[in-house]
C-alpha atoms as a PDB file:
ATOM      1  CA  UNK A   1      -4.302  12.022  25.531  1.00  0.00           C
ATOM      2  CA  UNK A   2      -5.634  13.947  22.401  1.00  0.00           C
ATOM      3  CA  UNK A   3      -8.797  13.102  20.730  1.00  0.00           C
ATOM      4  CA  UNK A   4      -6.663  12.597  17.461  1.00  0.00           C
ATOM      5  CA  UNK A   5      -4.882   9.483  19.174  1.00  0.00           C
ATOM      6  CA  UNK A   6      -8.238   7.881  19.480  1.00  0.00           C
ATOM      7  CA  UNK A   7      -9.022   8.222  15.724  1.00  0.00           C
ATOM      8  CA  UNK A   8      -8.408   5.165  13.526  1.00  0.00           C
ATOM      9  CA  UNK A   9      -7.023   5.426  10.043  1.00  0.00           C
ATOM     10  CA  UNK A  10      -9.680   5.315   7.353  1.00  0.00           C
ATOM     11  CA  UNK A  11      -8.744   1.879   6.762  1.00  0.00           C
ATOM     12  CA  UNK A  12      -9.721   1.239  10.362  1.00  0.00           C
ATOM     13  CA  UNK A  13      -6.185   0.375  11.385  1.00  0.00           C
ATOM     14  CA  UNK A  14      -4.852   2.052  14.446  1.00  0.00           C
ATOM     15  CA  UNK A  15      -1.549   3.696  14.194  1.00  0.00           C
ATOM     16  CA  UNK A  16      -0.281   2.197  17.479  1.00  0.00           C
ATOM     17  CA  UNK A  17      -0.988  -1.305  16.201  1.00  0.00           C
ATOM     18  CA  UNK A  18       2.041  -1.637  13.786  1.00  0.00           C
ATOM     19  CA  UNK A  19       5.627  -2.201  14.543  1.00  0.00           C
ATOM     20  CA  UNK A  20       6.499   1.337  13.521  1.00  0.00           C
ATOM     21  CA  UNK A  21       6.583   3.947  16.212  1.00  0.00           C
ATOM     22  CA  UNK A  22       3.717   6.574  16.114  1.00  0.00           C
ATOM     23  CA  UNK A  23       4.950  10.105  15.554  1.00  0.00           C
ATOM     24  CA  UNK A  24       3.038  13.500  15.419  1.00  0.00           C
ATOM     25  CA  UNK A  25       3.273  13.656  11.649  1.00  0.00           C
ATOM     26  CA  UNK A  26       1.486  10.165  11.329  1.00  0.00           C
ATOM     27  CA  UNK A  27      -1.406  11.689  13.314  1.00  0.00           C
ATOM     28  CA  UNK A  28      -1.595  14.811  11.246  1.00  0.00           C
ATOM     29  CA  UNK A  29      -1.358  12.898   7.930  1.00  0.00           C
ATOM     30  CA  UNK A  30      -4.220  10.475   9.040  1.00  0.00           C
ATOM     31  CA  UNK A  31      -6.347  13.346   9.959  1.00  0.00           C
ATOM     32  CA  UNK A  32      -5.888  14.890   6.432  1.00  0.00           C
ATOM     33  CA  UNK A  33      -6.805  11.545   4.997  1.00  0.00           C
ATOM     34  CA  UNK A  34     -10.365  11.890   6.357  1.00  0.00           C
ATOM     35  CA  UNK A  35     -11.234  14.393   3.660  1.00  0.00           C
ATOM     36  CA  UNK A  36      -9.609  12.202   0.912  1.00  0.00           C
ATOM     37  CA  UNK A  37     -11.757  10.675  -1.845  1.00  0.00           C
ATOM     38  CA  UNK A  38     -12.546   6.984  -1.519  1.00  0.00           C
ATOM     39  CA  UNK A  39     -10.983   4.413  -4.057  1.00  0.00           C
ATOM     40  CA  UNK A  40     -12.915   1.667  -2.527  1.00  0.00           C
ATOM     41  CA  UNK A  41     -15.075   0.961   0.569  1.00  0.00           C
ATOM     42  CA  UNK A  42     -12.043   0.669   2.965  1.00  0.00           C
ATOM     43  CA  UNK A  43      -9.295   2.750   1.005  1.00  0.00           C
ATOM     44  CA  UNK A  44      -8.763   6.347   0.490  1.00  0.00           C
ATOM     45  CA  UNK A  45      -6.722   8.141  -2.083  1.00  0.00           C
ATOM     46  CA  UNK A  46      -4.785   9.850   0.763  1.00  0.00           C
ATOM     47  CA  UNK A  47      -3.552   6.500   1.981  1.00  0.00           C
ATOM     48  CA  UNK A  48      -1.886   5.853  -1.483  1.00  0.00           C
ATOM     49  CA  UNK A  49      -0.421   9.260  -1.974  1.00  0.00           C
ATOM     50  CA  UNK A  50       0.907  10.061   1.613  1.00  0.00           C
ATOM     51  CA  UNK A  51       4.633  10.649   1.690  1.00  0.00           C
ATOM     52  CA  UNK A  52       7.374  11.679   4.143  1.00  0.00           C
ATOM     53  CA  UNK A  53       8.316  14.445   1.664  1.00  0.00           C
ATOM     54  CA  UNK A  54       5.514  17.006   1.554  1.00  0.00           C
ATOM     55  CA  UNK A  55       7.563  19.359  -0.439  1.00  0.00           C
ATOM     56  CA  UNK A  56       7.605  16.694  -3.360  1.00  0.00           C
ATOM     57  CA  UNK A  57       4.698  16.818  -5.932  1.00  0.00           C
ATOM     58  CA  UNK A  58       2.731  13.653  -5.593  1.00  0.00           C
ATOM     59  CA  UNK A  59      -0.752  14.180  -7.456  1.00  0.00           C
ATOM     60  CA  UNK A  60      -1.819  11.184  -9.459  1.00  0.00           C
ATOM     61  CA  UNK A  61      -3.403  11.377 -12.997  1.00  0.00           C
ATOM     62  CA  UNK A  62      -6.805  10.024 -13.582  1.00  0.00           C
ATOM     63  CA  UNK A  63      -5.352   7.009 -15.230  1.00  0.00           C
ATOM     64  CA  UNK A  64      -3.075   6.313 -12.077  1.00  0.00           C
ATOM     65  CA  UNK A  65      -6.345   6.826  -9.987  1.00  0.00           C
ATOM     66  CA  UNK A  66      -8.039   4.035 -12.123  1.00  0.00           C
ATOM     67  CA  UNK A  67      -5.114   1.864 -11.685  1.00  0.00           C
ATOM     68  CA  UNK A  68      -5.101   2.272  -7.727  1.00  0.00           C
ATOM     69  CA  UNK A  69      -8.912   1.497  -7.803  1.00  0.00           C
ATOM     70  CA  UNK A  70      -7.924  -1.780  -9.396  1.00  0.00           C
ATOM     71  CA  UNK A  71      -5.534  -2.633  -6.715  1.00  0.00           C
ATOM     72  CA  UNK A  72      -8.038  -1.763  -4.231  1.00  0.00           C
ATOM     73  CA  UNK A  73     -10.202  -4.554  -5.468  1.00  0.00           C
ATOM     74  CA  UNK A  74      -7.476  -6.983  -4.581  1.00  0.00           C
ATOM     75  CA  UNK A  75      -6.887  -5.226  -1.161  1.00  0.00           C
ATOM     76  CA  UNK A  76     -10.550  -5.513  -0.317  1.00  0.00           C
ATOM     77  CA  UNK A  77     -10.418  -9.275  -0.813  1.00  0.00           C
ATOM     78  CA  UNK A  78      -7.243  -9.401   1.279  1.00  0.00           C
ATOM     79  CA  UNK A  79      -8.597  -7.319   4.054  1.00  0.00           C
ATOM     80  CA  UNK A  80     -11.826  -9.450   4.147  1.00  0.00           C
ATOM     81  CA  UNK A  81      -9.885 -12.812   4.147  1.00  0.00           C
ATOM     82  CA  UNK A  82      -7.181 -11.838   6.464  1.00  0.00           C
ATOM     83  CA  UNK A  83      -9.907 -10.447   8.795  1.00  0.00           C
ATOM     84  CA  UNK A  84      -8.264  -7.128   9.777  1.00  0.00           C
ATOM     85  CA  UNK A  85      -7.439  -3.832   8.287  1.00  0.00           C
ATOM     86  CA  UNK A  86      -4.577  -3.405   5.854  1.00  0.00           C
ATOM     87  CA  UNK A  87      -2.086  -0.587   6.299  1.00  0.00           C
ATOM     88  CA  UNK A  88      -0.386   0.879   3.205  1.00  0.00           C
ATOM     89  CA  UNK A  89       3.229   2.098   3.532  1.00  0.00           C
ATOM     90  CA  UNK A  90       3.452   3.206  -0.177  1.00  0.00           C
ATOM     91  CA  UNK A  91       1.173   3.316  -3.092  1.00  0.00           C
ATOM     92  CA  UNK A  92       1.226   6.050  -5.915  1.00  0.00           C
ATOM     93  CA  UNK A  93       4.586   7.896  -6.371  1.00  0.00           C
ATOM     94  CA  UNK A  94       5.034  10.696  -8.909  1.00  0.00           C
ATOM     95  CA  UNK A  95       8.268  10.363 -10.842  1.00  0.00           C
ATOM     96  CA  UNK A  96       9.673  13.093  -8.615  1.00  0.00           C
ATOM     97  CA  UNK A  97       8.952  11.401  -5.411  1.00  0.00           C
ATOM     98  CA  UNK A  98       9.996   7.933  -6.785  1.00  0.00           C
ATOM     99  CA  UNK A  99      13.287   9.508  -7.497  1.00  0.00           C
ATOM    100  CA  UNK A 100      13.612  10.999  -4.214  1.00  0.00           C
ATOM    101  CA  UNK A 101      12.877   7.704  -2.317  1.00  0.00           C
ATOM    102  CA  UNK A 102      15.325   5.778  -4.608  1.00  0.00           C
ATOM    103  CA  UNK A 103      12.814   3.986  -6.734  1.00  0.00           C
ATOM    104  CA  UNK A 104      13.654   2.651 -10.273  1.00  0.00           C
ATOM    105  CA  UNK A 105      12.349   4.816 -13.123  1.00  0.00           C
ATOM    106  CA  UNK A 106      10.048   1.867 -14.338  1.00  0.00           C
ATOM    107  CA  UNK A 107       8.450   1.240 -10.879  1.00  0.00           C
ATOM    108  CA  UNK A 108       4.860   0.268 -11.029  1.00  0.00           C
ATOM    109  CA  UNK A 109       4.389   2.751  -8.134  1.00  0.00           C
ATOM    110  CA  UNK A 110       4.828   5.740 -10.826  1.00  0.00           C
ATOM    111  CA  UNK A 111       1.742   4.473 -12.621  1.00  0.00           C
ATOM    112  CA  UNK A 112      -0.426   3.804  -9.564  1.00  0.00           C
ATOM    113  CA  UNK A 113      -0.210   0.071 -10.263  1.00  0.00           C
ATOM    114  CA  UNK A 114       1.698  -0.948  -7.078  1.00  0.00           C
ATOM    115  CA  UNK A 115       1.228  -0.791  -3.369  1.00  0.00           C
ATOM    116  CA  UNK A 116       3.458  -1.624  -0.433  1.00  0.00           C
ATOM    117  CA  UNK A 117       1.501  -3.246   2.439  1.00  0.00           C
ATOM    118  CA  UNK A 118       2.914  -3.021   6.025  1.00  0.00           C
ATOM    119  CA  UNK A 119       3.463  -6.340   7.818  1.00  0.00           C
ATOM    120  CA  UNK A 120       4.083  -7.002  11.452  1.00  0.00           C
ATOM    121  CA  UNK A 121       6.696  -9.655  10.415  1.00  0.00           C
ATOM    122  CA  UNK A 122       7.430 -12.588   8.124  1.00  0.00           C
ATOM    123  CA  UNK A 123       4.460 -14.617   9.042  1.00  0.00           C
ATOM    124  CA  UNK A 124       1.953 -11.943   8.173  1.00  0.00           C
ATOM    125  CA  UNK A 125       3.821 -11.172   4.948  1.00  0.00           C
ATOM    126  CA  UNK A 126       3.565 -14.891   3.858  1.00  0.00           C
ATOM    127  CA  UNK A 127      -0.077 -14.971   5.023  1.00  0.00           C
ATOM    128  CA  UNK A 128      -0.792 -11.876   2.753  1.00  0.00           C
ATOM    129  CA  UNK A 129       1.033 -13.348  -0.276  1.00  0.00           C
ATOM    130  CA  UNK A 130      -0.754 -16.620   0.091  1.00  0.00           C
ATOM    131  CA  UNK A 131      -4.178 -14.844   0.033  1.00  0.00           C
ATOM    132  CA  UNK A 132      -3.406 -12.770  -2.877  1.00  0.00           C
ATOM    133  CA  UNK A 133      -1.884 -15.661  -4.903  1.00  0.00           C
ATOM    134  CA  UNK A 134      -4.987 -17.815  -3.995  1.00  0.00           C
ATOM    135  CA  UNK A 135      -7.379 -15.022  -5.026  1.00  0.00           C
ATOM    136  CA  UNK A 136      -5.471 -14.785  -8.329  1.00  0.00           C
ATOM    137  CA  UNK A 137      -5.845 -18.407  -9.078  1.00  0.00           C
ATOM    138  CA  UNK A 138      -9.555 -18.566  -8.029  1.00  0.00           C
ATOM    139  CA  UNK A 139     -10.726 -15.491  -9.855  1.00  0.00           C
ATOM    140  CA  UNK A 140      -8.433 -16.090 -12.784  1.00  0.00           C
ATOM    141  CA  UNK A 141      -6.914 -12.650 -12.639  1.00  0.00           C
ATOM    142  CA  UNK A 142      -3.358 -11.895 -13.171  1.00  0.00           C
ATOM    143  CA  UNK A 143      -1.021  -9.595 -11.175  1.00  0.00           C
ATOM    144  CA  UNK A 144       2.329  -8.257 -12.132  1.00  0.00           C
ATOM    145  CA  UNK A 145       4.472  -8.483  -9.062  1.00  0.00           C
ATOM    146  CA  UNK A 146       3.986 -10.113  -5.596  1.00  0.00           C
ATOM    147  CA  UNK A 147       7.151  -9.680  -3.642  1.00  0.00           C
ATOM    148  CA  UNK A 148       7.932 -10.136   0.306  1.00  0.00           C
ATOM    149  CA  UNK A 149      10.477  -7.474   1.074  1.00  0.00           C
ATOM    150  CA  UNK A 150      12.565  -6.895   4.266  1.00  0.00           C
ATOM    151  CA  UNK A 151      14.687  -3.884   4.869  1.00  0.00           C
ATOM    152  CA  UNK A 152      17.847  -3.736   6.692  1.00  0.00           C
ATOM    153  CA  UNK A 153      16.145  -2.913   9.991  1.00  0.00           C
ATOM    154  CA  UNK A 154      14.123  -6.250   9.829  1.00  0.00           C
ATOM    155  CA  UNK A 155      10.851  -4.676   8.774  1.00  0.00           C
ATOM    156  CA  UNK A 156       8.740  -6.652   6.299  1.00  0.00           C
ATOM    157  CA  UNK A 157       6.212  -5.578   3.768  1.00  0.00           C
ATOM    158  CA  UNK A 158       4.472  -6.964   0.720  1.00  0.00           C
ATOM    159  CA  UNK A 159       4.955  -5.166  -2.749  1.00  0.00           C
ATOM    160  CA  UNK A 160       2.005  -5.937  -4.960  1.00  0.00           C
ATOM    161  CA  UNK A 161       1.320  -4.621  -8.497  1.00  0.00           C
ATOM    162  CA  UNK A 162      -1.528  -5.098 -10.902  1.00  0.00           C
ATOM    163  CA  UNK A 163      -1.265  -3.623 -14.486  1.00  0.00           C
ATOM    164  CA  UNK A 164      -4.243  -2.913 -16.711  1.00  0.00           C
ATOM    165  CA  UNK A 165      -2.668  -5.554 -19.141  1.00  0.00           C
ATOM    166  CA  UNK A 166       0.530  -7.628 -19.765  1.00  0.00           C
ATOM    167  CA  UNK A 167       0.906  -8.778 -16.142  1.00  0.00           C
ATOM    168  CA  UNK A 168       4.083 -10.869 -15.652  1.00  0.00           C
ATOM    169  CA  UNK A 169       3.134 -12.801 -12.394  1.00  0.00           C
ATOM    170  CA  UNK A 170       6.538 -12.106 -10.792  1.00  0.00           C
ATOM    171  CA  UNK A 171       6.949 -13.602  -7.329  1.00  0.00           C
ATOM    172  CA  UNK A 172       9.843 -13.422  -4.959  1.00  0.00           C
ATOM    173  CA  UNK A 173      11.636 -12.416  -1.869  1.00  0.00           C
ATOM    174  CA  UNK A 174      13.776  -9.346  -1.722  1.00  0.00           C
ATOM    175  CA  UNK A 175      16.285  -8.206   1.073  1.00  0.00           C
ATOM    176  CA  UNK A 176      17.166  -4.516   1.315  1.00  0.00           C
END
């Protein structure tokens, strides 16, 4: 076993703890994240910008970085209340990357206002959504989108977005 297999992601989540198989590229990308700037105490910029398409430009603007920091405030609360590390599937996407992955042109991911949070199943997705919605109510802060999503392979994630203003409080379930 290699030393890199013992390293935890910067968010302290081990790669082997998810329902997604660990591949060598996952280990390389997590090692690269160790040099990434912090957005908050437990989340790094590299976690928000990682991609399966390294050939596609994916560098955020300063405005997008500020938007990611805003989301990280919510993710820190989620992490604390759920009691375990949070794994980010997707965060910031440049317009080029967003197009490559089939995202809509108006996606909150393009402005750094959205994050997709990996879930081990439906129950964890519901727990995450409940915590985020409850925090919104008690803190009197709005969010833009809170969706529990499931792809055709049965994998779940929570899509969560917070804009600087004009948040719409859209909540739903999406099947892919």
